Amino acid sequence: MTNRLIDQLVGAGTSVGANYCEADDAYSRNEFRKYICICKKEARETKFQLRMVVRAVPASKAQARVLWQEAREPHLIFAAILRKTPRAE
């Protein structure tokens, strides 16, 4: 039952790092913003998947809370980056 949730969680969590690498190698400001936006969305999805894991396995709540906080921090960082990076026109 939780295999699908775990696959989704791992996919979203690792996608954050992969998209950050793409942002780091971006050729333009718009490309950078695009990948940072994807990072933010994937971090948010990671938090969602953690909530779903807790629903499926309530005993995992304490461990999931720590991981949720770990996902929250980059989500906030990426949101701040997007606020401070103007769009190229």
PDB file of N, CA and C in Angstrom:
ATOM      1  N   MET A   1       0.824  -1.200   0.000  1.00  0.00           N
ATOM      2  CA  MET A   1       0.000   0.000   0.000  1.00  0.00           C
ATOM      3  C   MET A   1       0.867   1.262   0.000  1.00  0.00           C
ATOM      4  N   THR A   2       1.940   1.258   0.760  1.00  0.00           N
ATOM      5  CA  THR A   2       2.760   2.461   0.845  1.00  0.00           C
ATOM      6  C   THR A   2       3.855   2.510  -0.217  1.00  0.00           C
ATOM      7  N   ASN A   3       4.027   1.454  -0.991  1.00  0.00           N
ATOM      8  CA  ASN A   3       5.078   1.459  -2.012  1.00  0.00           C
ATOM      9  C   ASN A   3       4.920   2.621  -2.982  1.00  0.00           C
ATOM     10  N   ARG A   4       3.703   2.875  -3.429  1.00  0.00           N
ATOM     11  CA  ARG A   4       3.460   3.984  -4.360  1.00  0.00           C
ATOM     12  C   ARG A   4       3.782   5.320  -3.700  1.00  0.00           C
ATOM     13  N   LEU A   5       3.392   5.485  -2.452  1.00  0.00           N
ATOM     14  CA  LEU A   5       3.691   6.732  -1.737  1.00  0.00           C
ATOM     15  C   LEU A   5       5.195   6.927  -1.585  1.00  0.00           C
ATOM     16  N   ILE A   6       5.891   5.862  -1.256  1.00  0.00           N
ATOM     17  CA  ILE A   6       7.339   5.956  -1.090  1.00  0.00           C
ATOM     18  C   ILE A   6       8.000   6.300  -2.412  1.00  0.00           C
ATOM     19  N   ASP A   7       7.544   5.671  -3.511  1.00  0.00           N
ATOM     20  CA  ASP A   7       8.090   5.995  -4.836  1.00  0.00           C
ATOM     21  C   ASP A   7       7.870   7.467  -5.173  1.00  0.00           C
ATOM     22  N   GLN A   8       6.667   7.955  -4.891  1.00  0.00           N
ATOM     23  CA  GLN A   8       6.359   9.365  -5.157  1.00  0.00           C
ATOM     24  C   GLN A   8       7.213  10.286  -4.298  1.00  0.00           C
ATOM     25  N   LEU A   9       7.377   9.923  -3.044  1.00  0.00           N
ATOM     26  CA  LEU A   9       8.166  10.730  -2.110  1.00  0.00           C
ATOM     27  C   LEU A   9       9.625  10.805  -2.548  1.00  0.00           C
ATOM     28  N   VAL A  10      10.190   9.687  -2.897  1.00  0.00           N
ATOM     29  CA  VAL A  10      11.582   9.655  -3.355  1.00  0.00           C
ATOM     30  C   VAL A  10      11.725  10.435  -4.661  1.00  0.00           C
ATOM     31  N   GLY A  11      10.765  10.275  -5.558  1.00  0.00           N
ATOM     32  CA  GLY A  11      10.821  10.997  -6.832  1.00  0.00           C
ATOM     33  C   GLY A  11      10.789  12.503  -6.646  1.00  0.00           C
ATOM     34  N   ALA A  12       9.859  12.974  -5.823  1.00  0.00           N
ATOM     35  CA  ALA A  12       9.752  14.417  -5.582  1.00  0.00           C
ATOM     36  C   ALA A  12      10.982  14.941  -4.857  1.00  0.00           C
ATOM     37  N   GLY A  13      11.430  14.200  -3.857  1.00  0.00           N
ATOM     38  CA  GLY A  13      12.588  14.648  -3.078  1.00  0.00           C
ATOM     39  C   GLY A  13      13.856  14.746  -3.903  1.00  0.00           C
ATOM     40  N   THR A  14      14.093  13.768  -4.759  1.00  0.00           N
ATOM     41  CA  THR A  14      15.304  13.808  -5.577  1.00  0.00           C
ATOM     42  C   THR A  14      15.178  14.796  -6.730  1.00  0.00           C
ATOM     43  N   SER A  15      13.958  15.062  -7.152  1.00  0.00           N
ATOM     44  CA  SER A  15      13.743  16.030  -8.226  1.00  0.00           C
ATOM     45  C   SER A  15      14.138  17.436  -7.797  1.00  0.00           C
ATOM     46  N   VAL A  16      13.999  17.736  -6.525  1.00  0.00           N
ATOM     47  CA  VAL A  16      14.412  19.058  -6.020  1.00  0.00           C
ATOM     48  C   VAL A  16      15.883  19.287  -6.343  1.00  0.00           C
ATOM     49  N   GLY A  17      16.712  18.320  -5.985  1.00  0.00           N
ATOM     50  CA  GLY A  17      18.150  18.451  -6.229  1.00  0.00           C
ATOM     51  C   GLY A  17      18.501  18.492  -7.703  1.00  0.00           C
ATOM     52  N   ALA A  18      17.849  17.655  -8.489  1.00  0.00           N
ATOM     53  CA  ALA A  18      18.130  17.619  -9.929  1.00  0.00           C
ATOM     54  C   ALA A  18      17.771  18.948 -10.582  1.00  0.00           C
ATOM     55  N   ASN A  19      16.635  19.505 -10.213  1.00  0.00           N
ATOM     56  CA  ASN A  19      16.235  20.781 -10.804  1.00  0.00           C
ATOM     57  C   ASN A  19      17.081  21.936 -10.303  1.00  0.00           C
ATOM     58  N   TYR A  20      17.585  21.840  -9.079  1.00  0.00           N
ATOM     59  CA  TYR A  20      18.493  22.879  -8.607  1.00  0.00           C
ATOM     60  C   TYR A  20      19.783  22.859  -9.428  1.00  0.00           C
ATOM     61  N   CYS A  21      20.265  21.676  -9.757  1.00  0.00           N
ATOM     62  CA  CYS A  21      21.456  21.575 -10.623  1.00  0.00           C
ATOM     63  C   CYS A  21      21.186  22.235 -11.971  1.00  0.00           C
ATOM     64  N   GLU A  22      19.989  22.011 -12.512  1.00  0.00           N
ATOM     65  CA  GLU A  22      19.625  22.648 -13.784  1.00  0.00           C
ATOM     66  C   GLU A  22      19.570  24.171 -13.630  1.00  0.00           C
ATOM     67  N   ALA A  23      19.032  24.648 -12.519  1.00  0.00           N
ATOM     68  CA  ALA A  23      18.970  26.088 -12.286  1.00  0.00           C
ATOM     69  C   ALA A  23      20.365  26.676 -12.177  1.00  0.00           C
ATOM     70  N   ASP A  24      21.239  25.959 -11.526  1.00  0.00           N
ATOM     71  CA  ASP A  24      22.609  26.418 -11.342  1.00  0.00           C
ATOM     72  C   ASP A  24      23.340  26.556 -12.681  1.00  0.00           C
ATOM     73  N   ASP A  25      22.963  25.748 -13.660  1.00  0.00           N
ATOM     74  CA  ASP A  25      23.585  25.788 -14.982  1.00  0.00           C
ATOM     75  C   ASP A  25      22.772  26.574 -16.007  1.00  0.00           C
ATOM     76  N   ALA A  26      21.779  27.316 -15.562  1.00  0.00           N
ATOM     77  CA  ALA A  26      20.886  28.035 -16.471  1.00  0.00           C
ATOM     78  C   ALA A  26      21.641  29.083 -17.283  1.00  0.00           C
ATOM     79  N   TYR A  27      21.191  29.283 -18.504  1.00  0.00           N
ATOM     80  CA  TYR A  27      21.805  30.259 -19.408  1.00  0.00           C
ATOM     81  C   TYR A  27      21.193  31.650 -19.292  1.00  0.00           C
ATOM     82  N   SER A  28      19.962  31.713 -18.778  1.00  0.00           N
ATOM     83  CA  SER A  28      19.297  33.008 -18.682  1.00  0.00           C
ATOM     84  C   SER A  28      18.569  33.116 -17.343  1.00  0.00           C
ATOM     85  N   ARG A  29      18.181  34.316 -17.028  1.00  0.00           N
ATOM     86  CA  ARG A  29      17.439  34.559 -15.792  1.00  0.00           C
ATOM     87  C   ARG A  29      16.092  33.837 -15.824  1.00  0.00           C
ATOM     88  N   ASN A  30      15.433  33.856 -16.989  1.00  0.00           N
ATOM     89  CA  ASN A  30      14.146  33.174 -17.097  1.00  0.00           C
ATOM     90  C   ASN A  30      14.292  31.669 -16.918  1.00  0.00           C
ATOM     91  N   GLU A  31      15.344  31.103 -17.491  1.00  0.00           N
ATOM     92  CA  GLU A  31      15.578  29.672 -17.329  1.00  0.00           C
ATOM     93  C   GLU A  31      15.867  29.355 -15.852  1.00  0.00           C
ATOM     94  N   PHE A  32      16.650  30.194 -15.206  1.00  0.00           N
ATOM     95  CA  PHE A  32      16.944  30.029 -13.783  1.00  0.00           C
ATOM     96  C   PHE A  32      15.654  30.034 -12.966  1.00  0.00           C
ATOM     97  N   ARG A  33      14.810  31.037 -13.202  1.00  0.00           N
ATOM     98  CA  ARG A  33      13.540  31.138 -12.477  1.00  0.00           C
ATOM     99  C   ARG A  33      12.663  29.920 -12.728  1.00  0.00           C
ATOM    100  N   LYS A  34      12.652  29.446 -13.968  1.00  0.00           N
ATOM    101  CA  LYS A  34      11.831  28.281 -14.309  1.00  0.00           C
ATOM    102  C   LYS A  34      12.226  27.078 -13.456  1.00  0.00           C
ATOM    103  N   TYR A  35      13.524  26.813 -13.370  1.00  0.00           N
ATOM    104  CA  TYR A  35      13.975  25.647 -12.610  1.00  0.00           C
ATOM    105  C   TYR A  35      13.823  25.848 -11.099  1.00  0.00           C
ATOM    106  N   ILE A  36      14.005  27.059 -10.620  1.00  0.00           N
ATOM    107  CA  ILE A  36      13.787  27.326  -9.195  1.00  0.00           C
ATOM    108  C   ILE A  36      12.306  27.142  -8.866  1.00  0.00           C
ATOM    109  N   CYS A  37      11.447  27.542  -9.767  1.00  0.00           N
ATOM    110  CA  CYS A  37      10.008  27.351  -9.570  1.00  0.00           C
ATOM    111  C   CYS A  37       9.677  25.855  -9.494  1.00  0.00           C
ATOM    112  N   ILE A  38      10.291  25.068 -10.342  1.00  0.00           N
ATOM    113  CA  ILE A  38      10.087  23.617 -10.295  1.00  0.00           C
ATOM    114  C   ILE A  38      10.610  23.060  -8.973  1.00  0.00           C
ATOM    115  N   CYS A  39      11.761  23.549  -8.520  1.00  0.00           N
ATOM    116  CA  CYS A  39      12.306  23.113  -7.222  1.00  0.00           C
ATOM    117  C   CYS A  39      11.301  23.378  -6.112  1.00  0.00           C
ATOM    118  N   LYS A  40      10.719  24.565  -6.119  1.00  0.00           N
ATOM    119  CA  LYS A  40       9.747  24.941  -5.092  1.00  0.00           C
ATOM    120  C   LYS A  40       8.538  24.010  -5.134  1.00  0.00           C
ATOM    121  N   LYS A  41       8.050  23.732  -6.331  1.00  0.00           N
ATOM    122  CA  LYS A  41       6.897  22.840  -6.472  1.00  0.00           C
ATOM    123  C   LYS A  41       7.217  21.425  -6.006  1.00  0.00           C
ATOM    124  N   GLU A  42       8.398  20.942  -6.338  1.00  0.00           N
ATOM    125  CA  GLU A  42       8.786  19.590  -5.924  1.00  0.00           C
ATOM    126  C   GLU A  42       8.977  19.508  -4.415  1.00  0.00           C
ATOM    127  N   ALA A  43       9.494  20.562  -3.797  1.00  0.00           N
ATOM    128  CA  ALA A  43       9.627  20.583  -2.340  1.00  0.00           C
ATOM    129  C   ALA A  43       8.243  20.563  -1.691  1.00  0.00           C
ATOM    130  N   ARG A  44       7.318  21.299  -2.272  1.00  0.00           N
ATOM    131  CA  ARG A  44       5.944  21.298  -1.759  1.00  0.00           C
ATOM    132  C   ARG A  44       5.310  19.916  -1.934  1.00  0.00           C
ATOM    133  N   GLU A  45       5.560  19.278  -3.077  1.00  0.00           N
ATOM    134  CA  GLU A  45       5.034  17.932  -3.295  1.00  0.00           C
ATOM    135  C   GLU A  45       5.642  16.941  -2.298  1.00  0.00           C
ATOM    136  N   THR A  46       6.907  17.111  -1.971  1.00  0.00           N
ATOM    137  CA  THR A  46       7.555  16.241  -0.988  1.00  0.00           C
ATOM    138  C   THR A  46       6.839  16.352   0.355  1.00  0.00           C
ATOM    139  N   LYS A  47       6.502  17.574   0.757  1.00  0.00           N
ATOM    140  CA  LYS A  47       5.774  17.766   2.010  1.00  0.00           C
ATOM    141  C   LYS A  47       4.411  17.080   1.952  1.00  0.00           C
ATOM    142  N   PHE A  48       3.749  17.191   0.820  1.00  0.00           N
ATOM    143  CA  PHE A  48       2.451  16.537   0.644  1.00  0.00           C
ATOM    144  C   PHE A  48       2.577  15.015   0.763  1.00  0.00           C
ATOM    145  N   GLN A  49       3.570  14.453   0.076  1.00  0.00           N
ATOM    146  CA  GLN A  49       3.760  13.002   0.122  1.00  0.00           C
ATOM    147  C   GLN A  49       4.054  12.537   1.547  1.00  0.00           C
ATOM    148  N   LEU A  50       4.790  13.314   2.297  1.00  0.00           N
ATOM    149  CA  LEU A  50       5.052  12.965   3.696  1.00  0.00           C
ATOM    150  C   LEU A  50       3.756  12.949   4.508  1.00  0.00           C
ATOM    151  N   ARG A  51       2.883  13.902   4.250  1.00  0.00           N
ATOM    152  CA  ARG A  51       1.583  13.898   4.934  1.00  0.00           C
ATOM    153  C   ARG A  51       0.782  12.652   4.581  1.00  0.00           C
ATOM    154  N   MET A  52       0.855  12.227   3.326  1.00  0.00           N
ATOM    155  CA  MET A  52       0.125  11.034   2.895  1.00  0.00           C
ATOM    156  C   MET A  52       0.716   9.762   3.529  1.00  0.00           C
ATOM    157  N   VAL A  53       2.029   9.724   3.687  1.00  0.00           N
ATOM    158  CA  VAL A  53       2.662   8.581   4.349  1.00  0.00           C
ATOM    159  C   VAL A  53       2.162   8.491   5.793  1.00  0.00           C
ATOM    160  N   VAL A  54       2.044   9.611   6.473  1.00  0.00           N
ATOM    161  CA  VAL A  54       1.557   9.614   7.857  1.00  0.00           C
ATOM    162  C   VAL A  54       0.110   9.135   7.909  1.00  0.00           C
ATOM    163  N   ARG A  55      -0.683   9.509   6.917  1.00  0.00           N
ATOM    164  CA  ARG A  55      -2.069   9.020   6.863  1.00  0.00           C
ATOM    165  C   ARG A  55      -2.107   7.508   6.712  1.00  0.00           C
ATOM    166  N   ALA A  56      -1.207   6.986   5.886  1.00  0.00           N
ATOM    167  CA  ALA A  56      -1.175   5.542   5.639  1.00  0.00           C
ATOM    168  C   ALA A  56      -0.555   4.771   6.795  1.00  0.00           C
ATOM    169  N   VAL A  57       0.456   5.383   7.436  1.00  0.00           N
ATOM    170  CA  VAL A  57       1.173   4.722   8.532  1.00  0.00           C
ATOM    171  C   VAL A  57       1.302   5.719   9.684  1.00  0.00           C
ATOM    172  N   PRO A  58       0.281   5.841  10.519  1.00  0.00           N
ATOM    173  CA  PRO A  58       0.315   6.825  11.601  1.00  0.00           C
ATOM    174  C   PRO A  58       1.521   6.694  12.535  1.00  0.00           C
ATOM    175  N   ALA A  59       2.072   5.502  12.660  1.00  0.00           N
ATOM    176  CA  ALA A  59       3.230   5.312  13.538  1.00  0.00           C
ATOM    177  C   ALA A  59       4.470   6.052  13.031  1.00  0.00           C
ATOM    178  N   SER A  60       4.459   6.477  11.786  1.00  0.00           N
ATOM    179  CA  SER A  60       5.617   7.169  11.206  1.00  0.00           C
ATOM    180  C   SER A  60       5.579   8.679  11.430  1.00  0.00           C
ATOM    181  N   LYS A  61       4.617   9.154  12.206  1.00  0.00           N
ATOM    182  CA  LYS A  61       4.403  10.597  12.359  1.00  0.00           C
ATOM    183  C   LYS A  61       5.632  11.344  12.865  1.00  0.00           C
ATOM    184  N   ALA A  62       6.286  10.839  13.887  1.00  0.00           N
ATOM    185  CA  ALA A  62       7.440  11.557  14.464  1.00  0.00           C
ATOM    186  C   ALA A  62       8.579  11.662  13.458  1.00  0.00           C
ATOM    187  N   GLN A  63       8.871  10.579  12.787  1.00  0.00           N
ATOM    188  CA  GLN A  63       9.949  10.599  11.788  1.00  0.00           C
ATOM    189  C   GLN A  63       9.566  11.469  10.587  1.00  0.00           C
ATOM    190  N   ALA A  64       8.320  11.392  10.180  1.00  0.00           N
ATOM    191  CA  ALA A  64       7.860  12.188   9.038  1.00  0.00           C
ATOM    192  C   ALA A  64       7.893  13.680   9.362  1.00  0.00           C
ATOM    193  N   ARG A  65       7.636  14.026  10.613  1.00  0.00           N
ATOM    194  CA  ARG A  65       7.663  15.444  11.014  1.00  0.00           C
ATOM    195  C   ARG A  65       9.051  16.039  10.801  1.00  0.00           C
ATOM    196  N   VAL A  66      10.079  15.283  11.155  1.00  0.00           N
ATOM    197  CA  VAL A  66      11.457  15.742  10.954  1.00  0.00           C
ATOM    198  C   VAL A  66      11.734  15.909   9.457  1.00  0.00           C
ATOM    199  N   LEU A  67      11.321  14.938   8.669  1.00  0.00           N
ATOM    200  CA  LEU A  67      11.540  15.013   7.219  1.00  0.00           C
ATOM    201  C   LEU A  67      10.734  16.144   6.591  1.00  0.00           C
ATOM    202  N   TRP A  68       9.515  16.372   7.105  1.00  0.00           N
ATOM    203  CA  TRP A  68       8.680  17.455   6.592  1.00  0.00           C
ATOM    204  C   TRP A  68       9.377  18.800   6.811  1.00  0.00           C
ATOM    205  N   GLN A  69       9.974  18.965   7.989  1.00  0.00           N
ATOM    206  CA  GLN A  69      10.710  20.202   8.264  1.00  0.00           C
ATOM    207  C   GLN A  69      11.897  20.345   7.322  1.00  0.00           C
ATOM    208  N   GLU A  70      12.556  19.233   7.036  1.00  0.00           N
ATOM    209  CA  GLU A  70      13.680  19.249   6.087  1.00  0.00           C
ATOM    210  C   GLU A  70      13.219  19.658   4.688  1.00  0.00           C
ATOM    211  N   ALA A  71      12.018  19.287   4.304  1.00  0.00           N
ATOM    212  CA  ALA A  71      11.473  19.674   2.998  1.00  0.00           C
ATOM    213  C   ALA A  71      10.961  21.114   3.025  1.00  0.00           C
ATOM    214  N   ARG A  72      10.506  21.564   4.176  1.00  0.00           N
ATOM    215  CA  ARG A  72       9.967  22.925   4.312  1.00  0.00           C
ATOM    216  C   ARG A  72      11.055  23.981   4.117  1.00  0.00           C
ATOM    217  N   GLU A  73      12.225  23.702   4.647  1.00  0.00           N
ATOM    218  CA  GLU A  73      13.300  24.693   4.578  1.00  0.00           C
ATOM    219  C   GLU A  73      13.684  25.045   3.138  1.00  0.00           C
ATOM    220  N   PRO A  74      13.967  24.067   2.268  1.00  0.00           N
ATOM    221  CA  PRO A  74      14.271  24.458   0.887  1.00  0.00           C
ATOM    222  C   PRO A  74      13.069  25.083   0.180  1.00  0.00           C
ATOM    223  N   HIS A  75      11.854  24.652   0.536  1.00  0.00           N
ATOM    224  CA  HIS A  75      10.669  25.261  -0.065  1.00  0.00           C
ATOM    225  C   HIS A  75      10.653  26.763   0.222  1.00  0.00           C
ATOM    226  N   LEU A  76      10.931  27.133   1.465  1.00  0.00           N
ATOM    227  CA  LEU A  76      10.974  28.550   1.833  1.00  0.00           C
ATOM    228  C   LEU A  76      12.140  29.272   1.155  1.00  0.00           C
ATOM    229  N   ILE A  77      13.264  28.603   1.050  1.00  0.00           N
ATOM    230  CA  ILE A  77      14.432  29.202   0.384  1.00  0.00           C
ATOM    231  C   ILE A  77      14.126  29.473  -1.082  1.00  0.00           C
ATOM    232  N   PHE A  78      13.545  28.501  -1.769  1.00  0.00           N
ATOM    233  CA  PHE A  78      13.221  28.688  -3.191  1.00  0.00           C
ATOM    234  C   PHE A  78      12.177  29.780  -3.377  1.00  0.00           C
ATOM    235  N   ALA A  79      11.220  29.869  -2.467  1.00  0.00           N
ATOM    236  CA  ALA A  79      10.216  30.940  -2.547  1.00  0.00           C
ATOM    237  C   ALA A  79      10.888  32.301  -2.399  1.00  0.00           C
ATOM    238  N   ALA A  80      11.847  32.414  -1.492  1.00  0.00           N
ATOM    239  CA  ALA A  80      12.564  33.679  -1.299  1.00  0.00           C
ATOM    240  C   ALA A  80      13.395  34.026  -2.530  1.00  0.00           C
ATOM    241  N   ILE A  81      14.033  33.028  -3.118  1.00  0.00           N
ATOM    242  CA  ILE A  81      14.813  33.266  -4.340  1.00  0.00           C
ATOM    243  C   ILE A  81      13.906  33.807  -5.437  1.00  0.00           C
ATOM    244  N   LEU A  82      12.733  33.209  -5.593  1.00  0.00           N
ATOM    245  CA  LEU A  82      11.816  33.663  -6.644  1.00  0.00           C
ATOM    246  C   LEU A  82      11.344  35.095  -6.386  1.00  0.00           C
ATOM    247  N   ARG A  83      11.120  35.446  -5.119  1.00  0.00           N
ATOM    248  CA  ARG A  83      10.703  36.813  -4.811  1.00  0.00           C
ATOM    249  C   ARG A  83      11.790  37.826  -5.136  1.00  0.00           C
ATOM    250  N   LYS A  84      13.061  37.415  -4.960  1.00  0.00           N
ATOM    251  CA  LYS A  84      14.179  38.350  -5.129  1.00  0.00           C
ATOM    252  C   LYS A  84      14.759  38.364  -6.536  1.00  0.00           C
ATOM    253  N   THR A  85      14.383  37.407  -7.366  1.00  0.00           N
ATOM    254  CA  THR A  85      14.930  37.335  -8.724  1.00  0.00           C
ATOM    255  C   THR A  85      13.921  37.921  -9.698  1.00  0.00           C
ATOM    256  N   PRO A  86      14.214  39.089 -10.233  1.00  0.00           N
ATOM    257  CA  PRO A  86      13.250  39.710 -11.166  1.00  0.00           C
ATOM    258  C   PRO A  86      13.171  38.908 -12.461  1.00  0.00           C
ATOM    259  N   ARG A  87      12.038  39.000 -13.082  1.00  0.00           N
ATOM    260  CA  ARG A  87      11.844  38.369 -14.386  1.00  0.00           C
ATOM    261  C   ARG A  87      12.560  39.192 -15.442  1.00  0.00           C
ATOM    262  N   ALA A  88      13.195  38.502 -16.359  1.00  0.00           N
ATOM    263  CA  ALA A  88      13.824  39.200 -17.486  1.00  0.00           C
ATOM    264  C   ALA A  88      12.747  39.587 -18.473  1.00  0.00           C
ATOM    265  N   GLU A  89      12.901  40.729 -19.053  1.00  0.00           N
ATOM    266  CA  GLU A  89      11.887  41.185 -20.023  1.00  0.00           C
ATOM    267  C   GLU A  89      12.448  41.316 -21.389  1.00  0.00           C
TER     268      GLU A  89
END
